[in-house]
Amino acid sequence: MEVHINPAYADLSDFILSVPNHDYTPEQVYCNRRNTVERIRYNDQQYVVKKYKRPVLLNCVVYTWFRKNKPLRAYENAEYLLKNGFDTAAPIAYLFLKKHGFYHTGYFISSYIPYPTLDEILRGDDEAAKKEWEDAFVDYTVRLHQAGIIHRDYNARNLIVHKEGDQHCFAMIDINQLTFGKVTPKAAMVSLELFRQDIPHLEELIPAYAKGMGFDADECLNLLRQSQERRARRRAIKHWFKRNILGKK
């Protein structure tokens, strides 16, 4: 087992090393599919443990020799965000296990942020609050993209929000899928397109985003629609393959 513990949390070493044995009772399970995300309590403090289940064999090889594994990326991305003025759950530790010399299972441990997700706000009944947070979301995304940061799984469930006075505060989570570099209109619209599931009228927000970024609004809208069409085609092909080749409904 390989372990890295944030020096600021060295006093949690015993707890961190016990995580792979699952010597705890989760207070809440947020996700239990391909990966498992749990909120747990230790010494009256709450933490989040994300377990990355064993990938396919090819990725076991890739994560062993050719690419940073997911828990390591999550930890380093958290450090990068915090260093550049963007809030996220504090990275506490990452661990990964090897089997027969290959990467097998990984864990990322972080602090817990006790606020709702943007998804919870947008699904509420307070229309004024939703409009307020949508405008703040545009401003946050502009600031994020101006800093050269793109989340490739950008959706309302991956943004934790709260207000401090009149300030709208965002914290990004599920961050192992970040990319860094100059943000182009096409890359921005591919990322934002995922938000259409959370904000059906997303196109109405694009002109404000384009203005903030200095992009052409019409070009952005066209690129957004193209991204939506590509995603719809991919979904249709995937559905056809499952139904006609794999025999799944």
C-alpha atoms as a PDB file:
ATOM      1  CA  MET A   1       0.000   0.000   0.000  1.00  0.00           C
ATOM      2  CA  GLU A   2       1.246   3.474  -0.876  1.00  0.00           C
ATOM      3  CA  VAL A   3       0.088   6.331   1.344  1.00  0.00           C
ATOM      4  CA  HIS A   4       0.504  10.090   1.331  1.00  0.00           C
ATOM      5  CA  ILE A   5      -0.846  12.122   4.254  1.00  0.00           C
ATOM      6  CA  ASN A   6      -1.165  15.896   4.252  1.00  0.00           C
ATOM      7  CA  PRO A   7       1.263  17.056   6.987  1.00  0.00           C
ATOM      8  CA  ALA A   8      -1.482  19.252   8.430  1.00  0.00           C
ATOM      9  CA  TYR A   9      -3.448  16.072   9.217  1.00  0.00           C
ATOM     10  CA  ALA A  10      -0.627  13.887  10.539  1.00  0.00           C
ATOM     11  CA  ASP A  11      -2.606  13.273  13.727  1.00  0.00           C
ATOM     12  CA  LEU A  12      -5.129  11.315  11.640  1.00  0.00           C
ATOM     13  CA  SER A  13      -2.582   8.720  10.541  1.00  0.00           C
ATOM     14  CA  ASP A  14      -4.138   5.823  12.450  1.00  0.00           C
ATOM     15  CA  PHE A  15      -7.574   6.588  11.067  1.00  0.00           C
ATOM     16  CA  ILE A  16      -6.256   7.016   7.510  1.00  0.00           C
ATOM     17  CA  LEU A  17      -4.377   3.714   7.562  1.00  0.00           C
ATOM     18  CA  SER A  18      -7.515   1.923   8.766  1.00  0.00           C
ATOM     19  CA  VAL A  19      -9.672   3.135   5.867  1.00  0.00           C
ATOM     20  CA  PRO A  20      -8.945   0.226   3.457  1.00  0.00           C
ATOM     21  CA  ASN A  21     -10.181  -2.172   6.167  1.00  0.00           C
ATOM     22  CA  HIS A  22     -13.442  -0.220   6.340  1.00  0.00           C
ATOM     23  CA  ASP A  23     -13.185  -0.040  10.123  1.00  0.00           C
ATOM     24  CA  TYR A  24     -15.918   2.552  10.383  1.00  0.00           C
ATOM     25  CA  THR A  25     -19.664   2.991   9.998  1.00  0.00           C
ATOM     26  CA  PRO A  26     -20.566   5.569   7.336  1.00  0.00           C
ATOM     27  CA  GLU A  27     -23.012   8.265   8.376  1.00  0.00           C
ATOM     28  CA  GLN A  28     -24.094   8.747   4.777  1.00  0.00           C
ATOM     29  CA  VAL A  29     -23.368   7.042   1.455  1.00  0.00           C
ATOM     30  CA  TYR A  30     -23.548   9.475  -1.460  1.00  0.00           C
ATOM     31  CA  CYS A  31     -22.625   7.084  -4.228  1.00  0.00           C
ATOM     32  CA  ASN A  32     -22.141   3.331  -4.377  1.00  0.00           C
ATOM     33  CA  ARG A  33     -21.790   2.399  -8.017  1.00  0.00           C
ATOM     34  CA  ARG A  34     -18.503   2.400  -9.892  1.00  0.00           C
ATOM     35  CA  ASN A  35     -16.979   4.335  -7.001  1.00  0.00           C
ATOM     36  CA  THR A  36     -18.152   4.712  -3.410  1.00  0.00           C
ATOM     37  CA  VAL A  37     -18.377   8.052  -1.591  1.00  0.00           C
ATOM     38  CA  GLU A  38     -19.092   8.032   2.136  1.00  0.00           C
ATOM     39  CA  ARG A  39     -19.312  10.616   4.900  1.00  0.00           C
ATOM     40  CA  ILE A  40     -17.844   9.331   8.126  1.00  0.00           C
ATOM     41  CA  ARG A  41     -17.132  10.606  11.619  1.00  0.00           C
ATOM     42  CA  TYR A  42     -13.876  10.260  13.505  1.00  0.00           C
ATOM     43  CA  ASN A  43     -13.155  11.940  16.842  1.00  0.00           C
ATOM     44  CA  ASP A  44     -16.273  14.103  16.442  1.00  0.00           C
ATOM     45  CA  GLN A  45     -15.128  15.429  13.065  1.00  0.00           C
ATOM     46  CA  GLN A  46     -16.648  14.565   9.690  1.00  0.00           C
ATOM     47  CA  TYR A  47     -14.677  13.456   6.648  1.00  0.00           C
ATOM     48  CA  VAL A  48     -15.378  12.135   3.179  1.00  0.00           C
ATOM     49  CA  VAL A  49     -13.842   8.913   1.883  1.00  0.00           C
ATOM     50  CA  LYS A  50     -13.981   8.178  -1.821  1.00  0.00           C
ATOM     51  CA  LYS A  51     -13.077   4.653  -2.847  1.00  0.00           C
ATOM     52  CA  TYR A  52     -12.076   4.141  -6.464  1.00  0.00           C
ATOM     53  CA  LYS A  53     -12.867   0.555  -7.306  1.00  0.00           C
ATOM     54  CA  ARG A  54     -10.511  -1.588  -9.357  1.00  0.00           C
ATOM     55  CA  PRO A  55     -10.441  -0.374 -12.968  1.00  0.00           C
ATOM     56  CA  VAL A  56     -10.380  -2.583 -16.037  1.00  0.00           C
ATOM     57  CA  LEU A  57      -7.143  -4.487 -16.570  1.00  0.00           C
ATOM     58  CA  LEU A  58      -5.782  -2.057 -19.170  1.00  0.00           C
ATOM     59  CA  ASN A  59      -6.179   0.873 -16.790  1.00  0.00           C
ATOM     60  CA  CYS A  60      -4.502  -1.114 -14.012  1.00  0.00           C
ATOM     61  CA  VAL A  61      -1.437  -1.148 -16.266  1.00  0.00           C
ATOM     62  CA  VAL A  62      -1.866   2.498 -17.282  1.00  0.00           C
ATOM     63  CA  TYR A  63      -2.203   3.709 -13.672  1.00  0.00           C
ATOM     64  CA  THR A  64       0.820   1.660 -12.633  1.00  0.00           C
ATOM     65  CA  TRP A  65       3.311   3.040 -15.169  1.00  0.00           C
ATOM     66  CA  PHE A  66       1.913   5.623 -17.552  1.00  0.00           C
ATOM     67  CA  ARG A  67      -0.623   7.899 -15.867  1.00  0.00           C
ATOM     68  CA  LYS A  68      -1.365   9.290 -12.420  1.00  0.00           C
ATOM     69  CA  ASN A  69      -4.066   7.250 -10.731  1.00  0.00           C
ATOM     70  CA  LYS A  70      -7.392   8.781  -9.686  1.00  0.00           C
ATOM     71  CA  PRO A  71      -6.791   9.289  -5.940  1.00  0.00           C
ATOM     72  CA  LEU A  72      -3.448  10.948  -6.641  1.00  0.00           C
ATOM     73  CA  ARG A  73      -5.042  13.231  -9.251  1.00  0.00           C
ATOM     74  CA  ALA A  74      -7.854  14.154  -6.856  1.00  0.00           C
ATOM     75  CA  TYR A  75      -5.360  15.060  -4.142  1.00  0.00           C
ATOM     76  CA  GLU A  76      -3.113  17.116  -6.431  1.00  0.00           C
ATOM     77  CA  ASN A  77      -6.079  18.836  -8.083  1.00  0.00           C
ATOM     78  CA  ALA A  78      -7.404  19.859  -4.671  1.00  0.00           C
ATOM     79  CA  GLU A  79      -4.035  21.381  -3.828  1.00  0.00           C
ATOM     80  CA  TYR A  80      -4.007  23.212  -7.169  1.00  0.00           C
ATOM     81  CA  LEU A  81      -7.500  24.642  -6.715  1.00  0.00           C
ATOM     82  CA  LEU A  82      -6.785  25.887  -3.202  1.00  0.00           C
ATOM     83  CA  LYS A  83      -3.461  27.386  -4.282  1.00  0.00           C
ATOM     84  CA  ASN A  84      -5.221  29.296  -7.059  1.00  0.00           C
ATOM     85  CA  GLY A  85      -8.032  30.691  -4.935  1.00  0.00           C
ATOM     86  CA  PHE A  86     -10.804  28.168  -5.626  1.00  0.00           C
ATOM     87  CA  ASP A  87     -12.479  26.391  -2.760  1.00  0.00           C
ATOM     88  CA  THR A  88     -12.718  22.624  -2.486  1.00  0.00           C
ATOM     89  CA  ALA A  89     -12.699  20.023   0.256  1.00  0.00           C
ATOM     90  CA  ALA A  90      -9.301  20.061   1.949  1.00  0.00           C
ATOM     91  CA  PRO A  91      -7.162  17.111   0.775  1.00  0.00           C
ATOM     92  CA  ILE A  92      -6.223  14.938   3.742  1.00  0.00           C
ATOM     93  CA  ALA A  93      -4.673  11.825   2.211  1.00  0.00           C
ATOM     94  CA  TYR A  94      -4.619   9.429  -0.694  1.00  0.00           C
ATOM     95  CA  LEU A  95      -3.893   5.715  -0.613  1.00  0.00           C
ATOM     96  CA  PHE A  96      -3.705   3.063  -3.254  1.00  0.00           C
ATOM     97  CA  LEU A  97      -3.226  -0.676  -3.138  1.00  0.00           C
ATOM     98  CA  LYS A  98      -1.380  -2.846  -5.615  1.00  0.00           C
ATOM     99  CA  LYS A  99      -2.006  -6.461  -6.471  1.00  0.00           C
ATOM    100  CA  HIS A 100       0.634  -8.539  -8.272  1.00  0.00           C
ATOM    101  CA  GLY A 101       2.545  -5.304  -8.809  1.00  0.00           C
ATOM    102  CA  PHE A 102      -0.324  -3.458 -10.497  1.00  0.00           C
ATOM    103  CA  TYR A 103      -2.549  -0.636  -9.295  1.00  0.00           C
ATOM    104  CA  HIS A 104      -5.720  -2.130  -7.854  1.00  0.00           C
ATOM    105  CA  THR A 105      -7.807   0.110  -5.545  1.00  0.00           C
ATOM    106  CA  GLY A 106      -7.494   3.720  -4.437  1.00  0.00           C
ATOM    107  CA  TYR A 107      -8.850   6.036  -1.743  1.00  0.00           C
ATOM    108  CA  PHE A 108      -9.039   9.811  -1.464  1.00  0.00           C
ATOM    109  CA  ILE A 109      -9.842  11.284   1.952  1.00  0.00           C
ATOM    110  CA  SER A 110     -10.940  14.891   2.315  1.00  0.00           C
ATOM    111  CA  SER A 111     -12.651  17.231   4.704  1.00  0.00           C
ATOM    112  CA  TYR A 112     -16.439  17.486   4.688  1.00  0.00           C
ATOM    113  CA  ILE A 113     -18.172  20.689   3.553  1.00  0.00           C
ATOM    114  CA  PRO A 114     -21.535  20.998   5.367  1.00  0.00           C
ATOM    115  CA  TYR A 115     -23.490  22.863   2.700  1.00  0.00           C
ATOM    116  CA  PRO A 116     -25.971  21.888  -0.046  1.00  0.00           C
ATOM    117  CA  THR A 117     -25.064  21.271  -3.648  1.00  0.00           C
ATOM    118  CA  LEU A 118     -26.111  23.655  -6.398  1.00  0.00           C
ATOM    119  CA  ASP A 119     -28.327  20.828  -7.635  1.00  0.00           C
ATOM    120  CA  GLU A 120     -30.371  21.002  -4.431  1.00  0.00           C
ATOM    121  CA  ILE A 121     -30.859  24.750  -4.894  1.00  0.00           C
ATOM    122  CA  LEU A 122     -31.880  24.425  -8.538  1.00  0.00           C
ATOM    123  CA  ARG A 123     -34.414  21.706  -7.716  1.00  0.00           C
ATOM    124  CA  GLY A 124     -36.074  23.877  -5.090  1.00  0.00           C
ATOM    125  CA  ASP A 125     -39.217  25.993  -5.426  1.00  0.00           C
ATOM    126  CA  ASP A 126     -37.659  29.399  -4.759  1.00  0.00           C
ATOM    127  CA  GLU A 127     -37.453  30.876  -8.263  1.00  0.00           C
ATOM    128  CA  ALA A 128     -35.725  34.054  -7.086  1.00  0.00           C
ATOM    129  CA  ALA A 129     -33.024  32.040  -5.327  1.00  0.00           C
ATOM    130  CA  LYS A 130     -32.518  29.868  -8.419  1.00  0.00           C
ATOM    131  CA  LYS A 131     -32.076  32.940 -10.636  1.00  0.00           C
ATOM    132  CA  GLU A 132     -29.637  34.440  -8.141  1.00  0.00           C
ATOM    133  CA  TRP A 133     -27.532  31.269  -8.040  1.00  0.00           C
ATOM    134  CA  GLU A 134     -27.615  30.842 -11.828  1.00  0.00           C
ATOM    135  CA  ASP A 135     -26.139  34.334 -12.247  1.00  0.00           C
ATOM    136  CA  ALA A 136     -23.531  33.566  -9.603  1.00  0.00           C
ATOM    137  CA  PHE A 137     -22.770  30.274 -11.363  1.00  0.00           C
ATOM    138  CA  VAL A 138     -21.987  32.158 -14.578  1.00  0.00           C
ATOM    139  CA  ASP A 139     -19.613  34.495 -12.724  1.00  0.00           C
ATOM    140  CA  TYR A 140     -17.923  31.546 -10.997  1.00  0.00           C
ATOM    141  CA  THR A 141     -17.498  29.660 -14.276  1.00  0.00           C
ATOM    142  CA  VAL A 142     -15.981  32.707 -15.959  1.00  0.00           C
ATOM    143  CA  ARG A 143     -13.486  33.060 -13.117  1.00  0.00           C
ATOM    144  CA  LEU A 144     -12.694  29.345 -13.281  1.00  0.00           C
ATOM    145  CA  HIS A 145     -12.143  29.354 -17.030  1.00  0.00           C
ATOM    146  CA  GLN A 146     -10.130  32.572 -16.945  1.00  0.00           C
ATOM    147  CA  ALA A 147      -7.803  30.703 -14.583  1.00  0.00           C
ATOM    148  CA  GLY A 148      -7.468  27.934 -17.186  1.00  0.00           C
ATOM    149  CA  ILE A 149      -9.416  25.302 -15.233  1.00  0.00           C
ATOM    150  CA  ILE A 150     -12.013  23.041 -16.843  1.00  0.00           C
ATOM    151  CA  HIS A 151     -13.988  20.341 -15.055  1.00  0.00           C
ATOM    152  CA  ARG A 152     -14.779  17.522 -17.488  1.00  0.00           C
ATOM    153  CA  ASP A 153     -17.697  16.375 -15.317  1.00  0.00           C
ATOM    154  CA  TYR A 154     -19.100  19.836 -14.642  1.00  0.00           C
ATOM    155  CA  ASN A 155     -22.558  19.515 -13.155  1.00  0.00           C
ATOM    156  CA  ALA A 156     -24.635  20.937 -10.314  1.00  0.00           C
ATOM    157  CA  ARG A 157     -24.000  17.928  -8.061  1.00  0.00           C
ATOM    158  CA  ASN A 158     -20.282  18.689  -8.116  1.00  0.00           C
ATOM    159  CA  LEU A 159     -20.648  22.238  -6.785  1.00  0.00           C
ATOM    160  CA  ILE A 160     -21.269  22.866  -3.083  1.00  0.00           C
ATOM    161  CA  VAL A 161     -22.665  26.318  -2.363  1.00  0.00           C
ATOM    162  CA  HIS A 162     -23.440  28.738   0.432  1.00  0.00           C
ATOM    163  CA  LYS A 163     -23.613  32.474   1.034  1.00  0.00           C
ATOM    164  CA  GLU A 164     -21.417  34.633   3.234  1.00  0.00           C
ATOM    165  CA  GLY A 165     -23.285  37.911   3.479  1.00  0.00           C
ATOM    166  CA  ASP A 166     -23.967  38.918  -0.122  1.00  0.00           C
ATOM    167  CA  GLN A 167     -21.177  36.723  -1.487  1.00  0.00           C
ATOM    168  CA  HIS A 168     -22.048  33.497  -3.310  1.00  0.00           C
ATOM    169  CA  CYS A 169     -19.466  30.843  -2.460  1.00  0.00           C
ATOM    170  CA  PHE A 170     -18.733  27.739  -4.527  1.00  0.00           C
ATOM    171  CA  ALA A 171     -16.650  24.678  -3.684  1.00  0.00           C
ATOM    172  CA  MET A 172     -15.902  22.153  -6.407  1.00  0.00           C
ATOM    173  CA  ILE A 173     -15.865  18.430  -5.619  1.00  0.00           C
ATOM    174  CA  ASP A 174     -15.287  15.180  -7.547  1.00  0.00           C
ATOM    175  CA  ILE A 175     -12.235  16.825  -9.037  1.00  0.00           C
ATOM    176  CA  ASN A 176     -10.045  14.079 -10.474  1.00  0.00           C
ATOM    177  CA  GLN A 177     -11.310  15.060 -13.962  1.00  0.00           C
ATOM    178  CA  LEU A 178      -9.818  18.547 -14.195  1.00  0.00           C
ATOM    179  CA  THR A 179      -7.792  19.865 -17.118  1.00  0.00           C
ATOM    180  CA  PHE A 180      -5.579  22.933 -17.103  1.00  0.00           C
ATOM    181  CA  GLY A 181      -4.601  25.334 -19.861  1.00  0.00           C
ATOM    182  CA  LYS A 182      -6.057  28.015 -22.088  1.00  0.00           C
ATOM    183  CA  VAL A 183      -9.828  27.609 -22.354  1.00  0.00           C
ATOM    184  CA  THR A 184     -11.211  27.840 -25.881  1.00  0.00           C
ATOM    185  CA  PRO A 185     -14.886  28.460 -26.719  1.00  0.00           C
ATOM    186  CA  LYS A 186     -15.230  24.855 -27.920  1.00  0.00           C
ATOM    187  CA  ALA A 187     -13.699  23.361 -24.762  1.00  0.00           C
ATOM    188  CA  ALA A 188     -15.861  25.632 -22.619  1.00  0.00           C
ATOM    189  CA  MET A 189     -19.085  24.627 -24.356  1.00  0.00           C
ATOM    190  CA  VAL A 190     -18.239  20.915 -24.163  1.00  0.00           C
ATOM    191  CA  SER A 191     -17.827  21.325 -20.416  1.00  0.00           C
ATOM    192  CA  LEU A 192     -20.898  23.504 -19.926  1.00  0.00           C
ATOM    193  CA  GLU A 193     -23.110  21.271 -22.074  1.00  0.00           C
ATOM    194  CA  LEU A 194     -23.433  18.828 -19.172  1.00  0.00           C
ATOM    195  CA  PHE A 195     -25.203  21.562 -17.217  1.00  0.00           C
ATOM    196  CA  ARG A 196     -28.170  21.455 -19.571  1.00  0.00           C
ATOM    197  CA  GLN A 197     -29.533  18.607 -17.448  1.00  0.00           C
ATOM    198  CA  ASP A 198     -29.490  20.935 -14.429  1.00  0.00           C
ATOM    199  CA  ILE A 199     -30.407  24.199 -16.174  1.00  0.00           C
ATOM    200  CA  PRO A 200     -32.714  23.429 -19.134  1.00  0.00           C
ATOM    201  CA  HIS A 201     -32.553  27.079 -20.234  1.00  0.00           C
ATOM    202  CA  LEU A 202     -28.740  27.034 -20.207  1.00  0.00           C
ATOM    203  CA  GLU A 203     -28.605  28.783 -23.593  1.00  0.00           C
ATOM    204  CA  GLU A 204     -30.028  31.902 -21.950  1.00  0.00           C
ATOM    205  CA  LEU A 205     -26.942  32.104 -19.720  1.00  0.00           C
ATOM    206  CA  ILE A 206     -24.380  31.724 -22.496  1.00  0.00           C
ATOM    207  CA  PRO A 207     -24.352  35.392 -23.647  1.00  0.00           C
ATOM    208  CA  ALA A 208     -23.401  36.530 -20.121  1.00  0.00           C
ATOM    209  CA  TYR A 209     -20.710  33.847 -19.961  1.00  0.00           C
ATOM    210  CA  ALA A 210     -19.370  34.818 -23.404  1.00  0.00           C
ATOM    211  CA  LYS A 211     -19.238  38.492 -22.427  1.00  0.00           C
ATOM    212  CA  GLY A 212     -17.271  37.669 -19.296  1.00  0.00           C
ATOM    213  CA  MET A 213     -14.789  35.570 -21.275  1.00  0.00           C
ATOM    214  CA  GLY A 214     -14.535  37.936 -24.241  1.00  0.00           C
ATOM    215  CA  PHE A 215     -15.942  35.253 -26.572  1.00  0.00           C
ATOM    216  CA  ASP A 216     -18.459  35.681 -29.368  1.00  0.00           C
ATOM    217  CA  ALA A 217     -21.889  34.735 -27.984  1.00  0.00           C
ATOM    218  CA  ASP A 218     -23.250  33.395 -31.290  1.00  0.00           C
ATOM    219  CA  GLU A 219     -20.188  31.194 -31.760  1.00  0.00           C
ATOM    220  CA  CYS A 220     -20.574  29.843 -28.222  1.00  0.00           C
ATOM    221  CA  LEU A 221     -24.264  29.068 -28.764  1.00  0.00           C
ATOM    222  CA  ASN A 222     -23.482  27.223 -31.998  1.00  0.00           C
ATOM    223  CA  LEU A 223     -20.721  25.246 -30.307  1.00  0.00           C
ATOM    224  CA  LEU A 224     -23.032  24.402 -27.405  1.00  0.00           C
ATOM    225  CA  ARG A 225     -25.679  23.037 -29.783  1.00  0.00           C
ATOM    226  CA  GLN A 226     -23.052  21.027 -31.664  1.00  0.00           C
ATOM    227  CA  SER A 227     -21.858  19.522 -28.384  1.00  0.00           C
ATOM    228  CA  GLN A 228     -25.441  18.643 -27.449  1.00  0.00           C
ATOM    229  CA  GLU A 229     -25.966  16.957 -30.841  1.00  0.00           C
ATOM    230  CA  ARG A 230     -22.751  14.940 -30.502  1.00  0.00           C
ATOM    231  CA  ARG A 231     -23.778  13.760 -27.040  1.00  0.00           C
ATOM    232  CA  ALA A 232     -27.248  12.787 -28.298  1.00  0.00           C
ATOM    233  CA  ARG A 233     -25.686  10.761 -31.142  1.00  0.00           C
ATOM    234  CA  ARG A 234     -23.335   8.995 -28.731  1.00  0.00           C
ATOM    235  CA  ARG A 235     -26.236   8.148 -26.432  1.00  0.00           C
ATOM    236  CA  ALA A 236     -28.245   6.781 -29.351  1.00  0.00           C
ATOM    237  CA  ILE A 237     -25.347   4.607 -30.534  1.00  0.00           C
ATOM    238  CA  LYS A 238     -24.716   3.325 -27.010  1.00  0.00           C
ATOM    239  CA  HIS A 239     -28.405   2.511 -26.556  1.00  0.00           C
ATOM    240  CA  TRP A 240     -28.528   0.715 -29.930  1.00  0.00           C
ATOM    241  CA  PHE A 241     -25.436  -1.329 -29.068  1.00  0.00           C
ATOM    242  CA  LYS A 242     -26.811  -2.375 -25.679  1.00  0.00           C
ATOM    243  CA  ARG A 243     -30.201  -3.301 -27.125  1.00  0.00           C
ATOM    244  CA  ASN A 244     -29.130  -5.011 -30.360  1.00  0.00           C
ATOM    245  CA  ILE A 245     -25.704  -6.443 -29.538  1.00  0.00           C
ATOM    246  CA  LEU A 246     -25.813  -7.060 -25.799  1.00  0.00           C
ATOM    247  CA  GLY A 247     -29.528  -7.818 -25.673  1.00  0.00           C
ATOM    248  CA  LYS A 248     -30.179  -5.355 -22.848  1.00  0.00           C
ATOM    249  CA  LYS A 249     -33.329  -3.265 -22.612  1.00  0.00           C
END
